[in-house]
PDB file of N, CA and C in Angstrom:
ATOM      1  N   MET A   1     -11.222 -16.933   4.478  1.00  0.00           N
ATOM      2  CA  MET A   1     -10.095 -16.188   5.101  1.00  0.00           C
ATOM      3  C   MET A   1      -8.603 -16.884   3.872  1.00  0.00           C
ATOM      4  N   ASN A   2      -9.359 -17.330   3.374  1.00  0.00           N
ATOM      5  CA  ASN A   2      -7.954 -17.357   2.002  1.00  0.00           C
ATOM      6  C   ASN A   2      -8.438 -16.622   1.241  1.00  0.00           C
ATOM      7  N   SER A   3      -9.658 -16.460   0.614  1.00  0.00           N
ATOM      8  CA  SER A   3      -9.645 -15.041  -0.173  1.00  0.00           C
ATOM      9  C   SER A   3      -9.167 -13.639   0.262  1.00  0.00           C
ATOM     10  N   PHE A   4      -9.538 -13.686   1.322  1.00  0.00           N
ATOM     11  CA  PHE A   4      -8.454 -12.100   2.115  1.00  0.00           C
ATOM     12  C   PHE A   4      -6.725 -12.159   2.244  1.00  0.00           C
ATOM     13  N   LYS A   5      -6.246 -13.163   2.184  1.00  0.00           N
ATOM     14  CA  LYS A   5      -4.891 -13.228   1.704  1.00  0.00           C
ATOM     15  C   LYS A   5      -4.516 -13.149   0.370  1.00  0.00           C
ATOM     16  N   LYS A   6      -5.554 -14.024  -0.140  1.00  0.00           N
ATOM     17  CA  LYS A   6      -5.265 -13.805  -1.593  1.00  0.00           C
ATOM     18  C   LYS A   6      -5.263 -12.049  -1.960  1.00  0.00           C
ATOM     19  N   TYR A   7      -5.668 -11.155  -1.478  1.00  0.00           N
ATOM     20  CA  TYR A   7      -5.737  -9.956  -2.076  1.00  0.00           C
ATOM     21  C   TYR A   7      -5.328  -9.169  -1.231  1.00  0.00           C
ATOM     22  N   LEU A   8      -4.233  -9.309  -0.235  1.00  0.00           N
ATOM     23  CA  LEU A   8      -3.728  -8.858   0.756  1.00  0.00           C
ATOM     24  C   LEU A   8      -3.169  -7.757   0.445  1.00  0.00           C
ATOM     25  N   GLY A   9      -2.143  -7.634  -0.625  1.00  0.00           N
ATOM     26  CA  GLY A   9      -1.059  -7.012  -1.131  1.00  0.00           C
ATOM     27  C   GLY A   9      -1.932  -5.825  -2.113  1.00  0.00           C
ATOM     28  N   ALA A  10      -2.797  -6.163  -2.293  1.00  0.00           N
ATOM     29  CA  ALA A  10      -3.803  -5.301  -2.959  1.00  0.00           C
ATOM     30  C   ALA A  10      -4.232  -4.551  -2.462  1.00  0.00           C
ATOM     31  N   MET A  11      -4.435  -4.835  -1.247  1.00  0.00           N
ATOM     32  CA  MET A  11      -5.459  -3.984  -0.130  1.00  0.00           C
ATOM     33  C   MET A  11      -4.462  -2.920   0.516  1.00  0.00           C
ATOM     34  N   ILE A  12      -3.010  -3.508   0.761  1.00  0.00           N
ATOM     35  CA  ILE A  12      -2.045  -2.860   1.183  1.00  0.00           C
ATOM     36  C   ILE A  12      -1.664  -1.096   0.206  1.00  0.00           C
ATOM     37  N   VAL A  13      -1.465  -1.604  -0.992  1.00  0.00           N
ATOM     38  CA  VAL A  13      -1.018  -0.638  -1.791  1.00  0.00           C
ATOM     39  C   VAL A  13      -2.435   0.336  -2.178  1.00  0.00           C
ATOM     40  N   ILE A  14      -3.503  -0.378  -2.298  1.00  0.00           N
ATOM     41  CA  ILE A  14      -4.570   0.901  -2.176  1.00  0.00           C
ATOM     42  C   ILE A  14      -5.015   1.455  -0.921  1.00  0.00           C
ATOM     43  N   ILE A  15      -4.232   1.034   0.517  1.00  0.00           N
ATOM     44  CA  ILE A  15      -4.290   2.075   1.634  1.00  0.00           C
ATOM     45  C   ILE A  15      -2.847   2.775   1.346  1.00  0.00           C
ATOM     46  N   GLY A  16      -2.137   2.503   1.134  1.00  0.00           N
ATOM     47  CA  GLY A  16      -0.725   3.060   0.527  1.00  0.00           C
ATOM     48  C   GLY A  16      -1.529   4.648  -0.187  1.00  0.00           C
ATOM     49  N   ALA A  17      -2.229   4.464  -1.095  1.00  0.00           N
ATOM     50  CA  ALA A  17      -2.875   5.462  -2.212  1.00  0.00           C
ATOM     51  C   ALA A  17      -3.790   6.283  -1.270  1.00  0.00           C
ATOM     52  N   ILE A  18      -4.509   5.234  -0.334  1.00  0.00           N
ATOM     53  CA  ILE A  18      -5.416   6.213   0.448  1.00  0.00           C
ATOM     54  C   ILE A  18      -4.702   7.594   0.963  1.00  0.00           C
ATOM     55  N   ILE A  19      -3.653   6.715   1.834  1.00  0.00           N
ATOM     56  CA  ILE A  19      -2.761   7.650   2.957  1.00  0.00           C
ATOM     57  C   ILE A  19      -2.258   9.410   1.653  1.00  0.00           C
ATOM     58  N   LEU A  20      -1.899   8.500   0.361  1.00  0.00           N
ATOM     59  CA  LEU A  20      -1.059  10.408   0.075  1.00  0.00           C
ATOM     60  C   LEU A  20      -2.601  10.728  -0.634  1.00  0.00           C
ATOM     61  N   ILE A  21      -3.596  10.292  -0.970  1.00  0.00           N
ATOM     62  CA  ILE A  21      -4.855  10.978  -1.334  1.00  0.00           C
ATOM     63  C   ILE A  21      -5.343  12.141  -0.039  1.00  0.00           C
ATOM     64  N   CYS A  22      -5.469  11.183   0.771  1.00  0.00           N
ATOM     65  CA  CYS A  22      -5.884  12.058   2.069  1.00  0.00           C
ATOM     66  C   CYS A  22      -4.700  13.296   2.905  1.00  0.00           C
ATOM     67  N   SER A  23      -3.300  12.862   2.173  1.00  0.00           N
ATOM     68  CA  SER A  23      -2.383  14.224   2.735  1.00  0.00           C
ATOM     69  C   SER A  23      -2.530  15.139   2.145  1.00  0.00           C
ATOM     70  N   PHE A  24      -2.997  14.716   0.394  1.00  0.00           N
ATOM     71  CA  PHE A  24      -2.914  15.847  -0.667  1.00  0.00           C
ATOM     72  C   PHE A  24      -4.300  16.404   0.260  1.00  0.00           C
ATOM     73  N   PHE A  25      -5.798  16.154   0.714  1.00  0.00           N
ATOM     74  CA  PHE A  25      -6.993  16.695   0.866  1.00  0.00           C
ATOM     75  C   PHE A  25      -6.387  18.201   2.054  1.00  0.00           C
ATOM     76  N   CYS A  26      -5.495  17.270   3.101  1.00  0.00           N
ATOM     77  CA  CYS A  26      -5.300  17.834   4.255  1.00  0.00           C
ATOM     78  C   CYS A  26      -4.330  18.895   4.240  1.00  0.00           C
ATOM     79  N   GLY A  27      -3.514  19.133   2.913  1.00  0.00           N
ATOM     80  CA  GLY A  27      -2.743  20.232   2.982  1.00  0.00           C
ATOM     81  C   GLY A  27      -1.203  19.562   3.465  1.00  0.00           C
ATOM     82  N   TRP A  28      -0.772  18.350   3.682  1.00  0.00           N
ATOM     83  CA  TRP A  28       0.179  17.466   4.303  1.00  0.00           C
ATOM     84  C   TRP A  28       1.028  17.519   2.767  1.00  0.00           C
ATOM     85  N   ASN A  29       0.973  18.131   1.835  1.00  0.00           N
ATOM     86  CA  ASN A  29       1.865  17.987   0.681  1.00  0.00           C
ATOM     87  C   ASN A  29       3.289  18.174   0.961  1.00  0.00           C
ATOM     88  N   ASN A  30       3.566  19.350   1.816  1.00  0.00           N
ATOM     89  CA  ASN A  30       5.216  19.549   2.104  1.00  0.00           C
ATOM     90  C   ASN A  30       5.577  18.527   3.244  1.00  0.00           C
ATOM     91  N   TYR A  31       5.327  17.448   4.066  1.00  0.00           N
ATOM     92  CA  TYR A  31       5.395  16.653   4.287  1.00  0.00           C
ATOM     93  C   TYR A  31       6.343  15.649   4.051  1.00  0.00           C
ATOM     94  N   ASN A  32       7.826  15.479   3.866  1.00  0.00           N
ATOM     95  CA  ASN A  32       8.191  13.976   3.662  1.00  0.00           C
ATOM     96  C   ASN A  32       8.059  13.373   4.276  1.00  0.00           C
ATOM     97  N   GLY A  33       7.818  13.235   5.535  1.00  0.00           N
ATOM     98  CA  GLY A  33       7.769  11.707   5.994  1.00  0.00           C
ATOM     99  C   GLY A  33       6.151  11.106   5.745  1.00  0.00           C
ATOM    100  N   VAL A  34       4.999  12.092   5.566  1.00  0.00           N
ATOM    101  CA  VAL A  34       4.197  11.307   5.043  1.00  0.00           C
ATOM    102  C   VAL A  34       3.826  10.799   3.791  1.00  0.00           C
ATOM    103  N   GLN A  35       4.848  11.269   2.712  1.00  0.00           N
ATOM    104  CA  GLN A  35       4.803  10.838   1.353  1.00  0.00           C
ATOM    105  C   GLN A  35       5.779   9.896   1.579  1.00  0.00           C
ATOM    106  N   LEU A  36       7.068   9.582   2.169  1.00  0.00           N
ATOM    107  CA  LEU A  36       7.846   8.276   2.209  1.00  0.00           C
ATOM    108  C   LEU A  36       7.210   7.083   3.061  1.00  0.00           C
ATOM    109  N   GLY A  37       6.563   7.756   4.064  1.00  0.00           N
ATOM    110  CA  GLY A  37       5.240   6.403   4.291  1.00  0.00           C
ATOM    111  C   GLY A  37       4.644   5.654   3.820  1.00  0.00           C
ATOM    112  N   ALA A  38       3.622   6.596   2.777  1.00  0.00           N
ATOM    113  CA  ALA A  38       2.894   6.156   1.741  1.00  0.00           C
ATOM    114  C   ALA A  38       3.710   5.382   0.999  1.00  0.00           C
ATOM    115  N   MET A  39       4.750   5.575   0.462  1.00  0.00           N
ATOM    116  CA  MET A  39       5.478   5.066  -0.701  1.00  0.00           C
ATOM    117  C   MET A  39       5.745   3.742  -0.094  1.00  0.00           C
ATOM    118  N   GLY A  40       6.370   3.757   1.160  1.00  0.00           N
ATOM    119  CA  GLY A  40       6.844   2.487   1.706  1.00  0.00           C
ATOM    120  C   GLY A  40       5.777   1.359   1.844  1.00  0.00           C
ATOM    121  N   VAL A  41       4.822   2.035   2.348  1.00  0.00           N
ATOM    122  CA  VAL A  41       3.491   1.221   2.297  1.00  0.00           C
ATOM    123  C   VAL A  41       2.856   0.333   1.309  1.00  0.00           C
ATOM    124  N   MET A  42       3.481   1.236   0.269  1.00  0.00           N
ATOM    125  CA  MET A  42       2.421   0.883  -1.519  1.00  0.00           C
ATOM    126  C   MET A  42       3.649   0.202  -2.122  1.00  0.00           C
ATOM    127  N   ILE A  43       4.951   0.330  -1.774  1.00  0.00           N
ATOM    128  CA  ILE A  43       6.099  -0.878  -1.718  1.00  0.00           C
ATOM    129  C   ILE A  43       6.178  -2.261  -1.270  1.00  0.00           C
ATOM    130  N   LEU A  44       5.645  -2.206   0.286  1.00  0.00           N
ATOM    131  CA  LEU A  44       5.245  -2.941   0.811  1.00  0.00           C
ATOM    132  C   LEU A  44       4.147  -4.041   0.284  1.00  0.00           C
ATOM    133  N   GLY A  45       3.093  -3.702   0.124  1.00  0.00           N
ATOM    134  CA  GLY A  45       2.442  -4.006  -0.743  1.00  0.00           C
ATOM    135  C   GLY A  45       2.199  -4.861  -1.725  1.00  0.00           C
ATOM    136  N   LEU A  46       3.496  -4.202  -2.917  1.00  0.00           N
ATOM    137  CA  LEU A  46       3.793  -4.598  -3.968  1.00  0.00           C
ATOM    138  C   LEU A  46       4.511  -6.051  -3.361  1.00  0.00           C
ATOM    139  N   ILE A  47       5.440  -6.030  -2.402  1.00  0.00           N
ATOM    140  CA  ILE A  47       5.692  -6.742  -2.111  1.00  0.00           C
ATOM    141  C   ILE A  47       5.368  -8.094  -1.827  1.00  0.00           C
ATOM    142  N   VAL A  48       4.471  -8.001  -1.029  1.00  0.00           N
ATOM    143  CA  VAL A  48       3.303  -9.301  -0.455  1.00  0.00           C
ATOM    144  C   VAL A  48       2.925  -9.845  -1.353  1.00  0.00           C
ATOM    145  N   TYR A  49       2.744  -8.815  -2.667  1.00  0.00           N
ATOM    146  CA  TYR A  49       1.139  -9.182  -3.733  1.00  0.00           C
ATOM    147  C   TYR A  49       2.275 -10.732  -4.775  1.00  0.00           C
ATOM    148  N   ILE A  50       3.079  -9.463  -4.605  1.00  0.00           N
ATOM    149  CA  ILE A  50       4.463 -10.720  -5.831  1.00  0.00           C
ATOM    150  C   ILE A  50       4.629 -11.859  -4.621  1.00  0.00           C
ATOM    151  N   MET A  51       4.852 -11.864  -3.117  1.00  0.00           N
ATOM    152  CA  MET A  51       5.218 -13.299  -2.920  1.00  0.00           C
ATOM    153  C   MET A  51       3.851 -14.118  -2.640  1.00  0.00           C
ATOM    154  N   MET A  52       2.590 -13.387  -2.711  1.00  0.00           N
ATOM    155  CA  MET A  52       1.259 -13.844  -2.184  1.00  0.00           C
ATOM    156  C   MET A  52       1.645 -15.551  -3.850  1.00  0.00           C
ATOM    157  N   ASN A  53       1.565 -14.386  -5.012  1.00  0.00           N
ATOM    158  CA  ASN A  53       1.370 -14.973  -6.276  1.00  0.00           C
ATOM    159  C   ASN A  53       2.493 -16.060  -6.582  1.00  0.00           C
ATOM    160  N   LYS A  54       3.577 -15.813  -5.737  1.00  0.00           N
ATOM    161  CA  LYS A  54       4.358 -16.737  -6.297  1.00  0.00           C
ATOM    162  C   LYS A  54       4.564 -18.029  -5.668  1.00  0.00           C
ATOM    163  N   ARG A  55       3.868 -17.762  -4.201  1.00  0.00           N
ATOM    164  CA  ARG A  55       3.723 -19.268  -3.389  1.00  0.00           C
ATOM    165  C   ARG A  55       2.505 -20.113  -4.093  1.00  0.00           C
ATOM    166  N   VAL A  56       1.100 -19.107  -4.404  1.00  0.00           N
ATOM    167  CA  VAL A  56       0.404 -20.021  -5.030  1.00  0.00           C
ATOM    168  C   VAL A  56       0.387 -20.497  -6.380  1.00  0.00           C
ATOM    169  N   SER A  57       1.470 -19.902  -7.304  1.00  0.00           N
ATOM    170  CA  SER A  57       1.583 -20.774  -8.772  1.00  0.00           C
ATOM    171  C   SER A  57       2.529 -21.404  -8.224  1.00  0.00           C
TER     172      SER A  57
END
């Protein structure tokens, strides 16, 4: 379980990137909600990644 927590932020960022890639292939390029949602997920993942690494150090 500890190894899962270690990479949680990176996994959330990757999920945001997968959402962006899927939206491109599905043709949802013009929908700002999908783009902003994916950006929000990536920013959340970055914040979680920083917080987890700060706590470990």
